Amino acid sequence: MRVVVHAEGQPYSEYIPRGPVVRVGRAGNNEIRLKAGAISRHQCTLTFTDEGVFVEDTNPVCGTFLEGRQMSTRTLVPEGAEIQAGGFCLRIER
């Protein structure tokens, strides 16, 4: 499994998870670092489980969206769905 990141429609980065929890944000201690002012230091968390991948918004001020809908709780990411935050789009690929 991997996380593919696009910024404004262009390839930005790719990340292969090394553990069950992947933190996403602007700060250097995140596994996926998104360098933009519209991204929180700790934007969201991806959790990889046997049931699937869950996303949780860790800073609702900036907002994390799943398929265009703002998230308010930990949510299962449907296969092929896009997670959006501050001009970035993340997609989980197998």
N, C-alpha and C. Protein backbone atom coordinates (compact mmCIF):
# COMPACT_ATOMS: atom_id res chain seq x y z
N MET A 1 0.84 -1.17 0.00
CA MET A 1 0.00 0.00 0.00
C MET A 1 0.89 1.24 0.00
N ARG A 2 0.40 2.32 -0.61
CA ARG A 2 1.15 3.57 -0.64
C ARG A 2 0.18 4.74 -0.63
N VAL A 3 0.69 5.91 -0.24
CA VAL A 3 -0.08 7.14 -0.27
C VAL A 3 0.54 8.02 -1.34
N VAL A 4 -0.26 8.38 -2.33
CA VAL A 4 0.20 9.24 -3.42
C VAL A 4 -0.37 10.63 -3.18
N VAL A 5 0.50 11.65 -3.26
CA VAL A 5 0.10 13.02 -2.97
C VAL A 5 0.25 13.86 -4.24
N HIS A 6 -0.80 14.65 -4.52
CA HIS A 6 -0.76 15.60 -5.62
C HIS A 6 -1.00 17.00 -5.05
N ALA A 7 -0.35 17.99 -5.65
CA ALA A 7 -0.56 19.39 -5.27
C ALA A 7 -1.05 20.12 -6.50
N GLU A 8 -2.27 20.62 -6.42
CA GLU A 8 -2.89 21.36 -7.52
C GLU A 8 -2.81 20.57 -8.83
N GLY A 9 -3.11 19.27 -8.74
CA GLY A 9 -3.17 18.41 -9.92
C GLY A 9 -1.84 17.86 -10.40
N GLN A 10 -0.75 18.24 -9.77
CA GLN A 10 0.58 17.78 -10.18
C GLN A 10 1.14 16.80 -9.15
N PRO A 11 1.89 15.77 -9.58
CA PRO A 11 2.51 14.86 -8.62
C PRO A 11 3.39 15.62 -7.63
N TYR A 12 3.30 15.26 -6.36
CA TYR A 12 4.05 15.94 -5.31
C TYR A 12 4.97 14.98 -4.57
N SER A 13 4.42 13.85 -4.11
CA SER A 13 5.24 12.86 -3.41
C SER A 13 4.49 11.54 -3.31
N GLU A 14 5.21 10.54 -2.85
CA GLU A 14 4.65 9.21 -2.64
C GLU A 14 5.25 8.68 -1.34
N TYR A 15 4.43 8.00 -0.55
CA TYR A 15 4.89 7.50 0.74
C TYR A 15 4.41 6.07 0.94
N ILE A 16 5.33 5.19 1.32
CA ILE A 16 4.97 3.81 1.66
C ILE A 16 4.98 3.71 3.19
N PRO A 17 3.82 3.45 3.80
CA PRO A 17 3.74 3.40 5.26
C PRO A 17 4.66 2.34 5.86
N ARG A 18 5.32 2.72 6.95
CA ARG A 18 6.21 1.79 7.67
C ARG A 18 5.57 1.29 8.95
N GLY A 19 4.40 1.82 9.27
CA GLY A 19 3.69 1.42 10.48
C GLY A 19 2.21 1.68 10.30
N PRO A 20 1.41 1.37 11.31
CA PRO A 20 -0.04 1.50 11.17
C PRO A 20 -0.55 2.95 11.22
N VAL A 21 0.22 3.87 11.76
CA VAL A 21 -0.22 5.25 11.90
C VAL A 21 0.71 6.16 11.10
N VAL A 22 0.12 7.00 10.25
CA VAL A 22 0.87 7.94 9.42
C VAL A 22 0.31 9.33 9.69
N ARG A 23 1.17 10.22 10.18
CA ARG A 23 0.75 11.60 10.45
C ARG A 23 1.04 12.47 9.24
N VAL A 24 0.12 13.38 8.96
CA VAL A 24 0.23 14.26 7.79
C VAL A 24 0.15 15.71 8.28
N GLY A 25 1.07 16.54 7.80
CA GLY A 25 1.04 17.95 8.17
C GLY A 25 2.27 18.69 7.72
N ARG A 26 2.37 19.94 8.14
CA ARG A 26 3.46 20.83 7.75
C ARG A 26 4.72 20.62 8.59
N ALA A 27 4.59 20.18 9.83
CA ALA A 27 5.73 20.04 10.74
C ALA A 27 6.67 18.91 10.30
N GLY A 28 7.92 19.05 10.65
CA GLY A 28 8.94 18.08 10.26
C GLY A 28 8.80 16.71 10.90
N ASN A 29 8.01 16.58 11.96
CA ASN A 29 7.87 15.27 12.62
C ASN A 29 6.72 14.43 12.05
N ASN A 30 6.12 14.86 10.95
CA ASN A 30 5.08 14.08 10.28
C ASN A 30 5.72 13.11 9.29
N GLU A 31 5.10 11.95 9.12
CA GLU A 31 5.60 11.00 8.13
C GLU A 31 5.40 11.55 6.71
N ILE A 32 4.25 12.21 6.48
CA ILE A 32 4.01 12.88 5.21
C ILE A 32 4.00 14.37 5.48
N ARG A 33 5.01 15.06 4.96
CA ARG A 33 5.15 16.49 5.20
C ARG A 33 4.65 17.26 3.98
N LEU A 34 3.69 18.14 4.21
CA LEU A 34 3.12 18.97 3.16
C LEU A 34 3.52 20.42 3.44
N LYS A 35 4.38 20.96 2.63
CA LYS A 35 4.94 22.29 2.88
C LYS A 35 4.08 23.37 2.24
N ALA A 36 3.12 23.87 3.01
CA ALA A 36 2.25 24.96 2.55
C ALA A 36 1.61 25.63 3.75
N GLY A 37 1.40 26.93 3.65
CA GLY A 37 0.80 27.68 4.74
C GLY A 37 -0.64 27.28 5.05
N ALA A 38 -1.35 26.72 4.07
CA ALA A 38 -2.74 26.32 4.27
C ALA A 38 -2.87 24.98 4.98
N ILE A 39 -1.74 24.35 5.31
CA ILE A 39 -1.72 23.06 5.99
C ILE A 39 -1.32 23.28 7.45
N SER A 40 -2.03 22.64 8.36
CA SER A 40 -1.68 22.71 9.78
C SER A 40 -0.39 21.96 10.05
N ARG A 41 0.24 22.27 11.17
CA ARG A 41 1.44 21.52 11.56
C ARG A 41 1.11 20.04 11.67
N HIS A 42 -0.07 19.73 12.19
CA HIS A 42 -0.55 18.36 12.28
C HIS A 42 -1.96 18.33 11.72
N GLN A 43 -2.07 18.08 10.43
CA GLN A 43 -3.35 18.20 9.70
C GLN A 43 -4.28 17.02 9.94
N CYS A 44 -3.78 15.81 9.70
CA CYS A 44 -4.63 14.63 9.86
C CYS A 44 -3.77 13.39 10.12
N THR A 45 -4.44 12.32 10.50
CA THR A 45 -3.77 11.05 10.76
C THR A 45 -4.44 9.97 9.92
N LEU A 46 -3.61 9.15 9.27
CA LEU A 46 -4.10 7.97 8.56
C LEU A 46 -3.77 6.76 9.40
N THR A 47 -4.74 5.87 9.60
CA THR A 47 -4.53 4.66 10.38
C THR A 47 -4.85 3.46 9.50
N PHE A 48 -3.87 2.60 9.32
CA PHE A 48 -4.00 1.41 8.47
C PHE A 48 -4.35 0.22 9.36
N THR A 49 -5.53 -0.38 9.11
CA THR A 49 -6.00 -1.51 9.91
C THR A 49 -6.40 -2.66 8.99
N ASP A 50 -6.77 -3.78 9.58
CA ASP A 50 -7.28 -4.91 8.79
C ASP A 50 -8.60 -4.57 8.11
N GLU A 51 -9.38 -3.65 8.69
CA GLU A 51 -10.67 -3.25 8.12
C GLU A 51 -10.52 -2.25 6.98
N GLY A 52 -9.37 -1.60 6.89
CA GLY A 52 -9.13 -0.58 5.86
C GLY A 52 -8.34 0.58 6.43
N VAL A 53 -8.35 1.68 5.69
CA VAL A 53 -7.62 2.88 6.10
C VAL A 53 -8.62 3.90 6.63
N PHE A 54 -8.30 4.46 7.80
CA PHE A 54 -9.13 5.49 8.41
C PHE A 54 -8.37 6.81 8.38
N VAL A 55 -9.11 7.91 8.21
CA VAL A 55 -8.52 9.24 8.28
C VAL A 55 -9.22 10.01 9.39
N GLU A 56 -8.43 10.79 10.12
CA GLU A 56 -8.99 11.62 11.19
C GLU A 56 -8.37 13.00 11.11
N ASP A 57 -9.20 14.02 11.09
CA ASP A 57 -8.74 15.41 11.06
C ASP A 57 -8.22 15.75 12.45
N THR A 58 -6.95 16.14 12.54
CA THR A 58 -6.36 16.46 13.86
C THR A 58 -6.31 17.96 14.12
N ASN A 59 -6.74 18.77 13.15
CA ASN A 59 -6.83 20.21 13.35
C ASN A 59 -7.98 20.75 12.52
N PRO A 60 -9.19 20.72 13.06
CA PRO A 60 -10.36 21.11 12.27
C PRO A 60 -10.39 22.57 11.84
N VAL A 61 -9.47 23.40 12.36
CA VAL A 61 -9.43 24.81 11.95
C VAL A 61 -9.10 24.91 10.46
N CYS A 62 -8.13 24.14 10.00
CA CYS A 62 -7.73 24.18 8.58
C CYS A 62 -8.62 23.29 7.72
N GLY A 63 -9.16 22.24 8.28
CA GLY A 63 -10.09 21.36 7.57
C GLY A 63 -9.43 20.30 6.71
N THR A 64 -9.93 19.09 6.85
CA THR A 64 -9.56 17.95 6.02
C THR A 64 -10.85 17.44 5.41
N PHE A 65 -10.80 17.14 4.12
CA PHE A 65 -12.00 16.76 3.38
C PHE A 65 -11.82 15.39 2.76
N LEU A 66 -12.89 14.61 2.74
CA LEU A 66 -12.91 13.31 2.09
C LEU A 66 -13.95 13.39 0.98
N GLU A 67 -13.47 13.29 -0.26
CA GLU A 67 -14.34 13.42 -1.42
C GLU A 67 -15.16 14.71 -1.37
N GLY A 68 -14.52 15.80 -0.93
CA GLY A 68 -15.16 17.11 -0.92
C GLY A 68 -16.01 17.43 0.29
N ARG A 69 -16.17 16.47 1.20
CA ARG A 69 -16.97 16.71 2.40
C ARG A 69 -16.06 16.86 3.61
N GLN A 70 -16.25 17.96 4.36
CA GLN A 70 -15.40 18.19 5.52
C GLN A 70 -15.62 17.11 6.56
N MET A 71 -14.52 16.65 7.13
CA MET A 71 -14.58 15.55 8.10
C MET A 71 -14.79 16.10 9.51
N SER A 72 -15.54 15.36 10.31
CA SER A 72 -15.72 15.74 11.71
C SER A 72 -15.36 14.59 12.65
N THR A 73 -15.27 13.36 12.11
CA THR A 73 -14.93 12.20 12.93
C THR A 73 -13.98 11.29 12.14
N ARG A 74 -13.40 10.35 12.84
CA ARG A 74 -12.56 9.33 12.20
C ARG A 74 -13.42 8.58 11.19
N THR A 75 -12.93 8.47 9.95
CA THR A 75 -13.75 7.96 8.86
C THR A 75 -12.98 6.94 8.02
N LEU A 76 -13.66 5.87 7.65
CA LEU A 76 -13.08 4.87 6.75
C LEU A 76 -12.96 5.48 5.36
N VAL A 77 -11.79 5.34 4.74
CA VAL A 77 -11.55 5.89 3.41
C VAL A 77 -11.92 4.83 2.37
N PRO A 78 -12.96 5.08 1.57
CA PRO A 78 -13.32 4.11 0.54
C PRO A 78 -12.19 3.97 -0.49
N GLU A 79 -12.05 2.79 -1.07
CA GLU A 79 -11.01 2.58 -2.06
C GLU A 79 -11.18 3.57 -3.20
N GLY A 80 -10.08 4.22 -3.58
CA GLY A 80 -10.09 5.19 -4.67
C GLY A 80 -10.51 6.59 -4.28
N ALA A 81 -10.93 6.79 -3.02
CA ALA A 81 -11.37 8.11 -2.57
C ALA A 81 -10.18 9.05 -2.39
N GLU A 82 -10.46 10.35 -2.47
CA GLU A 82 -9.43 11.36 -2.29
C GLU A 82 -9.63 12.11 -0.99
N ILE A 83 -8.50 12.36 -0.31
CA ILE A 83 -8.48 13.17 0.90
C ILE A 83 -7.88 14.50 0.49
N GLN A 84 -8.58 15.59 0.78
CA GLN A 84 -8.10 16.91 0.39
C GLN A 84 -7.80 17.77 1.61
N ALA A 85 -6.71 18.54 1.48
CA ALA A 85 -6.34 19.48 2.54
C ALA A 85 -5.45 20.56 1.92
N GLY A 86 -5.85 21.80 2.03
CA GLY A 86 -5.04 22.94 1.63
C GLY A 86 -4.39 22.86 0.27
N GLY A 87 -5.10 22.46 -0.75
CA GLY A 87 -4.54 22.38 -2.10
C GLY A 87 -3.86 21.06 -2.42
N PHE A 88 -3.79 20.16 -1.44
CA PHE A 88 -3.19 18.85 -1.65
C PHE A 88 -4.28 17.79 -1.74
N CYS A 89 -4.00 16.73 -2.46
CA CYS A 89 -4.91 15.61 -2.59
C CYS A 89 -4.11 14.33 -2.30
N LEU A 90 -4.60 13.51 -1.37
CA LEU A 90 -3.96 12.26 -1.03
C LEU A 90 -4.86 11.12 -1.45
N ARG A 91 -4.25 10.08 -2.04
CA ARG A 91 -5.00 8.91 -2.45
C ARG A 91 -4.24 7.67 -1.98
N ILE A 92 -4.98 6.73 -1.38
CA ILE A 92 -4.40 5.46 -0.94
C ILE A 92 -4.46 4.50 -2.12
N GLU A 93 -3.32 3.92 -2.47
CA GLU A 93 -3.27 2.96 -3.58
C GLU A 93 -2.69 1.65 -3.10
N ARG A 94 -3.19 0.57 -3.67
CA ARG A 94 -2.69 -0.77 -3.33
C ARG A 94 -1.68 -1.22 -4.33
